Amino acid sequence: MAKKNGNGVRPLHDKILVKRDEAASKTESGIFLPEASKDKPKTGIIEAVGDGALNTETGSRIPLTVKKGDRVIFSSYSGTEIKIDGQDLLIMSEDDILAVVD
């Protein structure tokens, strides 16, 4: 069963809605970084998940291995950036997730 987030967005099938972590605004030595030089973090929290990919042989859904609330690491250019109610989010496939941080 697909899970909704607080914004009413429900990802389909094997898609995942992720809130990317905030970019660091200053270096460890205390130097403030301009907006253009900040690296986009490759980590975030899952806000919602779809109901799984379709198994074409059986017609049943293959459940996702991640769940809402998991902190994940994803590949650099994965997902599609969207803005909902002023919040920046990413929609990506479960295949784009590299690891779950315990």
N, C-alpha and C. Protein backbone atom coordinates (compact mmCIF):
# COMPACT_ATOMS: atom_id res chain seq x y z
N MET A 1 0.85 -1.18 0.00
CA MET A 1 0.00 0.00 0.00
C MET A 1 0.89 1.24 0.00
N ALA A 2 0.57 2.20 -0.85
CA ALA A 2 1.37 3.41 -0.95
C ALA A 2 1.12 4.31 0.25
N LYS A 3 2.17 5.01 0.64
CA LYS A 3 2.08 5.91 1.77
C LYS A 3 2.09 7.35 1.27
N LYS A 4 1.26 8.20 1.83
CA LYS A 4 1.24 9.62 1.47
C LYS A 4 2.09 10.39 2.46
N ASN A 5 2.62 11.52 2.01
CA ASN A 5 3.29 12.40 2.95
C ASN A 5 2.30 13.49 3.34
N GLY A 6 2.70 14.42 4.14
CA GLY A 6 1.80 15.47 4.61
C GLY A 6 1.31 16.39 3.51
N ASN A 7 1.95 16.39 2.34
CA ASN A 7 1.55 17.26 1.24
C ASN A 7 0.56 16.60 0.31
N GLY A 8 0.14 15.39 0.58
CA GLY A 8 -0.83 14.70 -0.26
C GLY A 8 -0.24 14.12 -1.54
N VAL A 9 1.06 13.99 -1.64
CA VAL A 9 1.70 13.42 -2.82
C VAL A 9 1.91 11.93 -2.59
N ARG A 10 1.47 11.11 -3.54
CA ARG A 10 1.62 9.67 -3.42
C ARG A 10 2.45 9.17 -4.61
N PRO A 11 3.71 8.77 -4.37
CA PRO A 11 4.53 8.24 -5.46
C PRO A 11 3.91 6.95 -6.02
N LEU A 12 4.10 6.72 -7.29
CA LEU A 12 3.57 5.53 -7.94
C LEU A 12 4.62 4.44 -8.04
N HIS A 13 4.17 3.21 -7.99
CA HIS A 13 4.97 2.01 -8.22
C HIS A 13 6.27 1.98 -7.40
N ASP A 14 7.43 1.98 -8.07
CA ASP A 14 8.71 1.87 -7.34
C ASP A 14 9.33 3.24 -7.09
N LYS A 15 8.52 4.30 -7.14
CA LYS A 15 9.04 5.66 -6.93
C LYS A 15 9.04 6.03 -5.45
N ILE A 16 9.95 6.94 -5.10
CA ILE A 16 10.17 7.36 -3.72
C ILE A 16 10.26 8.88 -3.70
N LEU A 17 9.65 9.48 -2.70
CA LEU A 17 9.71 10.93 -2.51
C LEU A 17 10.71 11.20 -1.38
N VAL A 18 11.75 11.98 -1.68
CA VAL A 18 12.85 12.21 -0.73
C VAL A 18 13.02 13.70 -0.49
N LYS A 19 13.18 14.07 0.79
CA LYS A 19 13.55 15.44 1.15
C LYS A 19 15.06 15.44 1.33
N ARG A 20 15.73 16.14 0.42
CA ARG A 20 17.20 16.20 0.44
C ARG A 20 17.66 16.96 1.68
N ASP A 21 18.77 16.52 2.27
CA ASP A 21 19.37 17.23 3.40
C ASP A 21 19.83 18.61 2.95
N GLU A 22 19.90 19.53 3.89
CA GLU A 22 20.34 20.90 3.59
C GLU A 22 21.83 20.91 3.25
N ALA A 23 22.20 21.78 2.30
CA ALA A 23 23.61 21.95 1.95
C ALA A 23 24.32 22.71 3.05
N ALA A 24 25.58 22.38 3.26
CA ALA A 24 26.38 23.08 4.28
C ALA A 24 26.54 24.53 3.87
N SER A 25 26.35 25.44 4.81
CA SER A 25 26.47 26.86 4.49
C SER A 25 27.85 27.42 4.83
N LYS A 26 28.65 26.63 5.57
CA LYS A 26 30.02 27.06 5.84
C LYS A 26 30.91 25.83 5.97
N THR A 27 32.20 26.06 5.78
CA THR A 27 33.17 24.97 5.86
C THR A 27 33.44 24.63 7.32
N GLU A 28 34.16 23.54 7.55
CA GLU A 28 34.52 23.14 8.92
C GLU A 28 35.38 24.20 9.60
N SER A 29 36.13 24.97 8.81
CA SER A 29 36.99 26.01 9.38
C SER A 29 36.23 27.32 9.61
N GLY A 30 34.93 27.37 9.24
CA GLY A 30 34.12 28.54 9.53
C GLY A 30 33.95 29.51 8.39
N ILE A 31 34.41 29.17 7.20
CA ILE A 31 34.26 30.06 6.05
C ILE A 31 32.86 29.85 5.46
N PHE A 32 32.10 30.96 5.30
CA PHE A 32 30.76 30.87 4.73
C PHE A 32 30.85 30.68 3.23
N LEU A 33 30.04 29.76 2.70
CA LEU A 33 30.05 29.44 1.29
C LEU A 33 28.96 30.20 0.55
N PRO A 34 29.28 30.76 -0.63
CA PRO A 34 28.22 31.37 -1.44
C PRO A 34 27.30 30.28 -1.98
N GLU A 35 26.09 30.64 -2.29
CA GLU A 35 25.08 29.68 -2.75
C GLU A 35 25.57 28.85 -3.93
N ALA A 36 26.27 29.49 -4.88
CA ALA A 36 26.70 28.80 -6.09
C ALA A 36 27.75 27.72 -5.84
N SER A 37 28.50 27.82 -4.77
CA SER A 37 29.58 26.85 -4.54
C SER A 37 29.17 25.71 -3.62
N LYS A 38 27.94 25.72 -3.13
CA LYS A 38 27.50 24.65 -2.24
C LYS A 38 27.24 23.38 -3.03
N ASP A 39 27.74 22.26 -2.53
CA ASP A 39 27.45 20.97 -3.14
C ASP A 39 26.08 20.51 -2.65
N LYS A 40 25.30 19.95 -3.57
CA LYS A 40 24.01 19.41 -3.17
C LYS A 40 24.25 18.09 -2.45
N PRO A 41 23.71 17.94 -1.27
CA PRO A 41 23.91 16.69 -0.54
C PRO A 41 23.30 15.51 -1.29
N LYS A 42 23.91 14.37 -1.11
CA LYS A 42 23.43 13.13 -1.73
C LYS A 42 22.75 12.25 -0.69
N THR A 43 22.23 12.89 0.35
CA THR A 43 21.52 12.18 1.41
C THR A 43 20.19 12.87 1.66
N GLY A 44 19.26 12.12 2.24
CA GLY A 44 17.97 12.70 2.56
C GLY A 44 17.10 11.72 3.32
N ILE A 45 15.89 12.17 3.64
CA ILE A 45 14.91 11.38 4.37
C ILE A 45 13.76 11.05 3.43
N ILE A 46 13.32 9.80 3.43
CA ILE A 46 12.19 9.39 2.60
C ILE A 46 10.91 9.93 3.22
N GLU A 47 10.15 10.67 2.42
CA GLU A 47 8.88 11.26 2.85
C GLU A 47 7.70 10.35 2.51
N ALA A 48 7.78 9.61 1.40
CA ALA A 48 6.70 8.72 0.98
C ALA A 48 7.25 7.71 -0.01
N VAL A 49 6.61 6.55 -0.09
CA VAL A 49 7.02 5.50 -1.03
C VAL A 49 5.81 5.01 -1.82
N GLY A 50 6.07 4.49 -3.02
CA GLY A 50 5.02 3.90 -3.84
C GLY A 50 4.67 2.50 -3.36
N ASP A 51 3.79 1.86 -4.10
CA ASP A 51 3.32 0.53 -3.69
C ASP A 51 4.13 -0.62 -4.27
N GLY A 52 5.22 -0.32 -4.96
CA GLY A 52 6.10 -1.36 -5.48
C GLY A 52 5.95 -1.58 -6.97
N ALA A 53 6.98 -2.15 -7.56
CA ALA A 53 6.97 -2.45 -9.00
C ALA A 53 6.03 -3.62 -9.27
N LEU A 54 5.53 -3.69 -10.48
CA LEU A 54 4.62 -4.76 -10.87
C LEU A 54 5.41 -5.96 -11.39
N ASN A 55 5.13 -7.13 -10.82
CA ASN A 55 5.69 -8.38 -11.33
C ASN A 55 4.83 -8.78 -12.51
N THR A 56 5.37 -8.72 -13.73
CA THR A 56 4.57 -8.96 -14.93
C THR A 56 4.14 -10.42 -15.07
N GLU A 57 4.82 -11.33 -14.40
CA GLU A 57 4.45 -12.75 -14.49
C GLU A 57 3.27 -13.09 -13.58
N THR A 58 3.24 -12.52 -12.39
CA THR A 58 2.19 -12.87 -11.43
C THR A 58 1.13 -11.79 -11.28
N GLY A 59 1.43 -10.56 -11.70
CA GLY A 59 0.49 -9.45 -11.55
C GLY A 59 0.50 -8.85 -10.15
N SER A 60 1.35 -9.35 -9.27
CA SER A 60 1.41 -8.81 -7.91
C SER A 60 2.48 -7.74 -7.82
N ARG A 61 2.45 -6.97 -6.75
CA ARG A 61 3.43 -5.91 -6.52
C ARG A 61 4.65 -6.46 -5.78
N ILE A 62 5.82 -5.98 -6.15
CA ILE A 62 7.07 -6.31 -5.46
C ILE A 62 7.31 -5.18 -4.46
N PRO A 63 7.21 -5.46 -3.15
CA PRO A 63 7.34 -4.37 -2.16
C PRO A 63 8.73 -3.74 -2.17
N LEU A 64 8.76 -2.46 -1.81
CA LEU A 64 10.03 -1.74 -1.73
C LEU A 64 10.79 -2.16 -0.48
N THR A 65 12.10 -2.03 -0.52
CA THR A 65 12.93 -2.39 0.62
C THR A 65 13.18 -1.21 1.55
N VAL A 66 12.76 -0.01 1.13
CA VAL A 66 12.89 1.18 1.97
C VAL A 66 11.51 1.61 2.43
N LYS A 67 11.49 2.45 3.48
CA LYS A 67 10.19 2.90 4.01
C LYS A 67 10.28 4.37 4.39
N LYS A 68 9.13 4.97 4.62
CA LYS A 68 9.07 6.37 5.04
C LYS A 68 9.89 6.55 6.32
N GLY A 69 10.68 7.62 6.35
CA GLY A 69 11.50 7.92 7.52
C GLY A 69 12.92 7.41 7.42
N ASP A 70 13.22 6.53 6.45
CA ASP A 70 14.59 6.04 6.28
C ASP A 70 15.48 7.18 5.79
N ARG A 71 16.70 7.26 6.34
CA ARG A 71 17.73 8.18 5.82
C ARG A 71 18.50 7.40 4.76
N VAL A 72 18.61 7.98 3.57
CA VAL A 72 19.21 7.26 2.44
C VAL A 72 20.32 8.07 1.79
N ILE A 73 21.18 7.35 1.08
CA ILE A 73 22.21 7.93 0.24
C ILE A 73 21.83 7.57 -1.19
N PHE A 74 21.86 8.56 -2.08
CA PHE A 74 21.46 8.31 -3.47
C PHE A 74 22.52 8.85 -4.41
N SER A 75 22.45 8.44 -5.68
CA SER A 75 23.46 8.86 -6.65
C SER A 75 23.30 10.35 -6.98
N SER A 76 24.36 10.94 -7.48
CA SER A 76 24.46 12.40 -7.65
C SER A 76 23.33 13.02 -8.47
N TYR A 77 23.02 12.46 -9.60
CA TYR A 77 22.05 13.09 -10.49
C TYR A 77 20.74 12.32 -10.55
N SER A 78 20.41 11.64 -9.48
CA SER A 78 19.19 10.85 -9.48
C SER A 78 17.98 11.70 -9.17
N GLY A 79 16.86 11.25 -9.66
CA GLY A 79 15.59 11.86 -9.33
C GLY A 79 15.26 13.11 -10.11
N THR A 80 14.02 13.54 -9.91
CA THR A 80 13.49 14.75 -10.51
C THR A 80 13.16 15.71 -9.39
N GLU A 81 13.71 16.92 -9.46
CA GLU A 81 13.46 17.90 -8.42
C GLU A 81 12.08 18.53 -8.63
N ILE A 82 11.31 18.61 -7.53
CA ILE A 82 10.00 19.24 -7.56
C ILE A 82 9.88 20.15 -6.34
N LYS A 83 8.95 21.09 -6.40
CA LYS A 83 8.69 21.97 -5.26
C LYS A 83 7.21 21.86 -4.95
N ILE A 84 6.90 21.49 -3.70
CA ILE A 84 5.52 21.37 -3.25
C ILE A 84 5.37 22.18 -1.97
N ASP A 85 4.44 23.11 -1.98
CA ASP A 85 4.20 23.98 -0.82
C ASP A 85 5.50 24.62 -0.32
N GLY A 86 6.36 25.06 -1.24
CA GLY A 86 7.60 25.72 -0.88
C GLY A 86 8.71 24.80 -0.42
N GLN A 87 8.46 23.49 -0.46
CA GLN A 87 9.46 22.51 0.00
C GLN A 87 10.07 21.81 -1.22
N ASP A 88 11.41 21.80 -1.28
CA ASP A 88 12.11 21.12 -2.37
C ASP A 88 12.19 19.63 -2.08
N LEU A 89 11.74 18.81 -3.03
CA LEU A 89 11.74 17.36 -2.88
C LEU A 89 12.28 16.72 -4.14
N LEU A 90 12.63 15.44 -4.04
CA LEU A 90 13.08 14.65 -5.19
C LEU A 90 12.16 13.45 -5.34
N ILE A 91 11.78 13.14 -6.56
CA ILE A 91 11.11 11.88 -6.85
C ILE A 91 12.11 11.02 -7.60
N MET A 92 12.36 9.82 -7.09
CA MET A 92 13.34 8.93 -7.72
C MET A 92 12.87 7.49 -7.64
N SER A 93 13.51 6.63 -8.40
CA SER A 93 13.23 5.20 -8.33
C SER A 93 14.02 4.58 -7.19
N GLU A 94 13.54 3.45 -6.70
CA GLU A 94 14.27 2.76 -5.64
C GLU A 94 15.66 2.38 -6.13
N ASP A 95 15.82 2.14 -7.43
CA ASP A 95 17.13 1.79 -7.99
C ASP A 95 18.16 2.90 -7.80
N ASP A 96 17.71 4.15 -7.63
CA ASP A 96 18.62 5.27 -7.43
C ASP A 96 19.18 5.33 -6.01
N ILE A 97 18.57 4.59 -5.08
CA ILE A 97 19.03 4.56 -3.69
C ILE A 97 20.25 3.65 -3.61
N LEU A 98 21.34 4.16 -3.07
CA LEU A 98 22.57 3.38 -2.94
C LEU A 98 22.66 2.67 -1.61
N ALA A 99 22.15 3.32 -0.53
CA ALA A 99 22.26 2.72 0.81
C ALA A 99 21.25 3.38 1.74
N VAL A 100 20.92 2.64 2.79
CA VAL A 100 20.13 3.17 3.90
C VAL A 100 21.07 3.38 5.07
N VAL A 101 21.03 4.56 5.68
CA VAL A 101 21.90 4.86 6.80
C VAL A 101 21.18 4.43 8.08
N ASP A 102 21.80 3.54 8.83
CA ASP A 102 21.20 3.06 10.09
C ASP A 102 21.54 3.97 11.24
